[in-house]
Protein backbone atom coordinates (compact mmCIF):
# COMPACT_ATOMS: atom_id res chain seq x y z
CA UNK A 1 50.90 14.99 -24.95
CA UNK A 2 48.98 11.77 -24.55
CA UNK A 3 50.11 11.39 -20.92
CA UNK A 4 47.46 13.94 -19.94
CA UNK A 5 44.79 11.51 -21.17
CA UNK A 6 46.30 8.53 -19.32
CA UNK A 7 46.84 9.99 -15.85
CA UNK A 8 44.30 7.76 -14.12
CA UNK A 9 45.10 4.57 -16.06
CA UNK A 10 47.29 2.17 -14.07
CA UNK A 11 49.40 0.38 -16.66
CA UNK A 12 51.82 -1.07 -14.09
CA UNK A 13 50.83 -4.72 -13.69
CA UNK A 14 48.12 -4.88 -16.33
CA UNK A 15 47.68 -8.05 -18.33
CA UNK A 16 47.14 -8.11 -22.07
CA UNK A 17 43.34 -7.76 -21.85
CA UNK A 18 43.63 -4.77 -19.51
CA UNK A 19 46.30 -3.14 -21.70
CA UNK A 20 44.08 -3.43 -24.78
CA UNK A 21 41.19 -1.93 -22.82
CA UNK A 22 43.39 0.94 -21.57
CA UNK A 23 44.63 1.73 -25.07
CA UNK A 24 41.06 1.74 -26.41
CA UNK A 25 40.06 4.09 -23.58
CA UNK A 26 43.05 6.27 -24.44
CA UNK A 27 42.11 6.35 -28.13
CA UNK A 28 38.56 7.36 -27.22
CA UNK A 29 39.78 10.15 -24.97
CA UNK A 30 42.19 11.50 -27.58
CA UNK A 31 39.60 11.43 -30.38
CA UNK A 32 36.90 12.82 -28.10
CA UNK A 33 34.25 10.20 -28.79
CA UNK A 34 33.11 6.75 -27.76
CA UNK A 35 34.58 3.82 -29.62
CA UNK A 36 31.41 2.48 -31.18
CA UNK A 37 30.72 0.62 -34.42
CA UNK A 38 30.89 3.87 -36.45
CA UNK A 39 34.26 4.79 -34.92
CA UNK A 40 35.77 1.46 -35.98
CA UNK A 41 34.16 1.63 -39.45
CA UNK A 42 35.48 5.11 -40.27
CA UNK A 43 38.52 5.06 -42.58
CA UNK A 44 41.58 6.85 -41.19
CA UNK A 45 45.18 7.49 -42.05
CA UNK A 46 47.57 4.97 -40.54
CA UNK A 47 50.56 6.63 -38.91
CA UNK A 48 53.47 4.38 -38.11
CA UNK A 49 55.75 5.25 -35.22
CA UNK A 50 59.36 4.22 -35.88
CA UNK A 51 60.64 1.54 -33.52
CA UNK A 52 63.43 3.80 -32.26
CA UNK A 53 61.16 6.81 -31.64
CA UNK A 54 61.54 6.55 -27.85
CA UNK A 55 64.58 5.56 -25.83
CA UNK A 56 64.39 2.29 -23.96
């Protein structure tokens, strides 16, 4: 699960800029590489998560 990659990220009182940074860090950890220009330029499949996928 992705929680293993986010254990040291404190999402509690993060503002928008910090949240974006944390999610980019998380994406880099999950994909196993730095988010550089090539990473952003590589085409990928877009997976949409349904709005009701997790309980509120």
